[in-house]
Amino acid sequence: MIKLLVSKIIIFAFFLLPNVIFAQKIGSKNTISLGLHHVILGEGDYNGFAITNHYSRQFLSFFEFSPSLGYISSHKQSDIGFIETYLANHLTFDLPVNVVPVNAKYFFLKIGGGGLIRLRKEVWSIGRFYDNTGIIEEVILKESTWDKGYSIQVALGTNIGQKASISAKMSLQNYNQGTQVVMFGLIGSYKL
């Protein structure tokens, strides 16, 4: 899965972004971004994949507002003594404010945080099989809620030409209920 993620990011970075660089107008403060992330849910028990879309508006040279919409998918199955399956789908909406303390010609650093809202749907299916009696027991738990919380994030990136950039981002998302999320991945951005 990591090799597939890396190959898609390389294709995005080297084939799509150079075309976008020359098509964009210089001097814009609006940026759109696409992010691909590895996700750790809870206390590291479950892993997943996330896709995020961002729109950023820069207000000063060091301050930006960057709402995002994301989708997280996770799946785990284990067969130790019994069969356990876990499925999770999260639709997230993030409203962070970022401070950009370093914005040099070739690289930048963003530190930020803000409020979150997510629609969380999780399903646990646990099956226990008893050999001697032939009894099969299966427990299915479903949960679907709207959660709110906050995020803290850090991004370190490099500029590709005047209008495009790639950054590595790490984000911690803490919610009032349900599974906490840690995300890290790559984001490709370009200015409008």
Protein backbone atom coordinates (compact mmCIF):
# COMPACT_ATOMS: atom_id res chain seq x y z
CA MET A 1 0.00 0.00 0.00
CA ILE A 2 2.90 2.38 0.78
CA LYS A 3 4.51 1.67 -2.62
CA LEU A 4 1.22 2.45 -4.37
CA LEU A 5 0.86 5.68 -2.39
CA VAL A 6 4.43 6.75 -3.19
CA SER A 7 4.03 5.96 -6.90
CA LYS A 8 0.80 7.99 -7.12
CA ILE A 9 2.42 10.94 -5.36
CA ILE A 10 5.42 10.83 -7.70
CA ILE A 11 3.13 10.76 -10.74
CA PHE A 12 1.14 13.68 -9.34
CA ALA A 13 4.26 15.68 -8.49
CA PHE A 14 6.22 15.23 -11.69
CA PHE A 15 3.54 15.05 -14.39
CA LEU A 16 0.56 17.08 -13.21
CA LEU A 17 2.08 19.90 -11.16
CA PRO A 18 4.53 21.23 -13.82
CA ASN A 19 1.58 21.76 -16.18
CA VAL A 20 -0.27 23.64 -13.45
CA ILE A 21 2.75 25.87 -12.70
CA PHE A 22 2.76 27.48 -16.13
CA ALA A 23 -1.03 27.84 -16.34
CA GLN A 24 -1.42 29.84 -13.13
CA LYS A 25 -1.45 33.57 -12.61
CA ILE A 26 1.40 35.00 -10.50
CA GLY A 27 0.68 36.77 -7.20
CA SER A 28 -2.49 35.00 -6.04
CA LYS A 29 -3.24 34.47 -2.34
CA ASN A 30 -5.66 31.57 -3.00
CA THR A 31 -4.39 27.98 -3.05
CA ILE A 32 -6.06 24.63 -3.58
CA SER A 33 -4.50 21.36 -2.45
CA LEU A 34 -4.95 17.61 -2.57
CA GLY A 35 -3.55 15.44 0.22
CA LEU A 36 -2.93 11.69 0.53
CA HIS A 37 -2.36 10.48 4.09
CA HIS A 38 -1.67 7.38 6.15
CA VAL A 39 -4.00 7.35 9.17
CA ILE A 40 -3.61 5.81 12.64
CA LEU A 41 -6.94 5.48 14.47
CA GLY A 42 -7.33 5.20 18.24
CA GLU A 43 -4.22 4.02 20.05
CA GLY A 44 -2.57 2.56 16.97
CA ASP A 45 -4.80 -0.50 16.74
CA TYR A 46 -6.17 0.38 13.31
CA ASN A 47 -4.60 1.98 10.25
CA GLY A 48 -6.21 3.51 7.22
CA PHE A 49 -5.98 5.89 4.30
CA ALA A 50 -7.25 9.45 3.93
CA ILE A 51 -7.78 11.86 1.07
CA THR A 52 -8.16 15.58 1.79
CA ASN A 53 -9.00 18.66 -0.27
CA HIS A 54 -7.97 22.10 0.98
CA TYR A 55 -8.67 25.68 0.03
CA SER A 56 -6.28 28.22 1.57
CA ARG A 57 -6.55 32.00 1.71
CA GLN A 58 -3.46 33.94 2.79
CA PHE A 59 -4.27 37.16 4.69
CA LEU A 60 -0.80 38.37 5.66
CA SER A 61 2.59 37.02 4.71
CA PHE A 62 2.51 34.77 7.80
CA PHE A 63 -1.22 34.00 8.35
CA GLU A 64 -3.65 31.78 6.40
CA PHE A 65 -7.12 30.29 6.75
CA SER A 66 -7.35 26.78 5.25
CA PRO A 67 -10.65 24.85 5.46
CA SER A 68 -10.55 21.25 4.26
CA LEU A 69 -12.83 18.35 3.48
CA GLY A 70 -11.54 14.81 3.94
CA TYR A 71 -12.48 11.16 3.79
CA ILE A 72 -10.89 8.46 5.97
CA SER A 73 -11.28 4.73 5.36
CA SER A 74 -9.97 1.97 7.62
CA HIS A 75 -10.33 -1.81 7.72
CA LYS A 76 -8.81 -4.51 9.93
CA GLN A 77 -9.39 -8.23 10.25
CA SER A 78 -7.72 -10.54 12.77
CA ASP A 79 -8.03 -14.31 13.33
CA ILE A 80 -6.45 -14.82 16.77
CA GLY A 81 -8.74 -17.17 18.68
CA PHE A 82 -11.78 -15.59 17.05
CA ILE A 83 -12.54 -13.55 13.97
CA GLU A 84 -12.74 -9.79 14.42
CA THR A 85 -13.48 -7.31 11.63
CA TYR A 86 -13.42 -3.53 12.01
CA LEU A 87 -14.60 -1.07 9.35
CA ALA A 88 -14.53 2.71 9.70
CA ASN A 89 -15.49 5.55 7.38
CA HIS A 90 -15.10 9.17 8.45
CA LEU A 91 -16.12 12.30 6.56
CA THR A 92 -14.27 15.27 8.10
CA PHE A 93 -14.56 19.04 7.79
CA ASP A 94 -11.65 21.02 9.25
CA LEU A 95 -11.39 24.80 9.82
CA PRO A 96 -7.75 25.47 10.74
CA VAL A 97 -5.87 28.73 10.98
CA ASN A 98 -2.18 28.42 10.10
CA VAL A 99 0.78 30.56 11.03
CA VAL A 100 3.65 30.44 8.54
CA PRO A 101 6.79 31.34 10.55
CA VAL A 102 9.15 30.32 7.71
CA ASN A 103 8.33 31.17 4.10
CA ALA A 104 11.56 31.22 2.11
CA LYS A 105 12.03 31.05 -1.65
CA TYR A 106 12.36 27.25 -1.74
CA PHE A 107 10.71 25.96 1.44
CA PHE A 108 8.11 26.82 4.10
CA LEU A 109 6.86 25.71 7.50
CA LYS A 110 3.22 25.95 8.61
CA ILE A 111 1.93 25.42 12.13
CA GLY A 112 -1.77 25.56 12.84
CA GLY A 113 -4.90 24.25 14.41
CA GLY A 114 -8.64 24.71 14.51
CA GLY A 115 -12.07 23.19 14.92
CA LEU A 116 -13.31 19.95 13.35
CA ILE A 117 -16.60 18.29 12.57
CA ARG A 118 -16.88 14.70 11.35
CA LEU A 119 -19.50 12.14 10.45
CA ARG A 120 -18.20 8.84 11.84
CA LYS A 121 -19.53 5.41 10.85
CA GLU A 122 -17.88 2.39 12.47
CA VAL A 123 -18.80 -1.29 12.41
CA TRP A 124 -17.28 -4.05 14.54
CA SER A 125 -18.05 -7.68 13.79
CA ILE A 126 -16.75 -10.28 16.25
CA GLY A 127 -17.31 -14.00 15.63
CA ARG A 128 -16.39 -16.73 18.15
CA PHE A 129 -16.43 -20.32 17.01
CA TYR A 130 -16.70 -23.24 19.46
CA ASP A 131 -15.44 -26.54 18.03
CA ASN A 132 -16.99 -29.10 20.44
CA THR A 133 -20.59 -27.86 20.45
CA GLY A 134 -20.73 -26.41 16.97
CA ILE A 135 -22.15 -23.13 18.33
CA ILE A 136 -21.28 -20.03 16.37
CA GLU A 137 -21.63 -16.69 18.12
CA GLU A 138 -21.34 -13.40 16.26
CA VAL A 139 -21.61 -9.90 17.71
CA ILE A 140 -22.09 -6.90 15.41
CA LEU A 141 -21.79 -3.38 16.80
CA LYS A 142 -22.59 -0.32 14.67
CA GLU A 143 -22.03 3.30 15.54
CA SER A 144 -22.82 6.42 13.51
CA THR A 145 -22.36 9.86 15.09
CA TRP A 146 -21.49 13.48 14.44
CA ASP A 147 -18.40 14.39 16.45
CA LYS A 148 -16.70 17.71 17.05
CA GLY A 149 -13.17 18.44 18.16
CA TYR A 150 -9.95 20.19 17.29
CA SER A 151 -6.83 19.58 15.22
CA ILE A 152 -3.19 20.49 15.58
CA GLN A 153 -1.06 20.31 12.45
CA VAL A 154 2.45 20.93 11.13
CA ALA A 155 3.48 21.04 7.45
CA LEU A 156 6.97 21.35 5.99
CA GLY A 157 7.14 21.85 2.25
CA THR A 158 9.07 22.97 -0.76
CA ASN A 159 8.05 25.26 -3.59
CA ILE A 160 8.13 23.91 -7.14
CA GLY A 161 8.42 26.94 -9.37
CA GLN A 162 6.39 30.02 -8.44
CA LYS A 163 2.92 28.51 -8.09
CA ALA A 164 3.16 24.86 -7.01
CA SER A 165 4.39 23.18 -3.84
CA ILE A 166 4.61 19.79 -2.15
CA SER A 167 4.56 19.44 1.62
CA ALA A 168 4.73 16.73 4.25
CA LYS A 169 1.99 17.19 6.83
CA MET A 170 1.26 15.67 10.23
CA SER A 171 -2.06 16.25 11.98
CA LEU A 172 -3.53 15.17 15.32
CA GLN A 173 -7.33 15.19 15.47
CA ASN A 174 -8.96 14.95 18.89
CA TYR A 175 -12.74 14.53 19.18
CA ASN A 176 -15.30 14.75 21.98
CA GLN A 177 -16.26 11.09 21.40
CA GLY A 178 -15.13 8.18 19.28
CA THR A 179 -11.82 7.38 17.70
CA GLN A 180 -8.95 9.88 17.77
CA VAL A 181 -6.94 10.24 14.54
CA VAL A 182 -3.28 10.85 13.68
CA MET A 183 -2.59 11.57 9.99
CA PHE A 184 0.66 12.00 8.11
CA GLY A 185 1.13 12.30 4.40
CA LEU A 186 1.91 14.46 1.38
CA ILE A 187 0.00 17.41 -0.02
CA GLY A 188 0.32 18.82 -3.53
CA SER A 189 -0.75 22.47 -3.84
CA TYR A 190 -0.97 25.20 -6.45
CA LYS A 191 -2.03 28.82 -6.42
CA LEU A 192 -5.05 29.98 -8.38
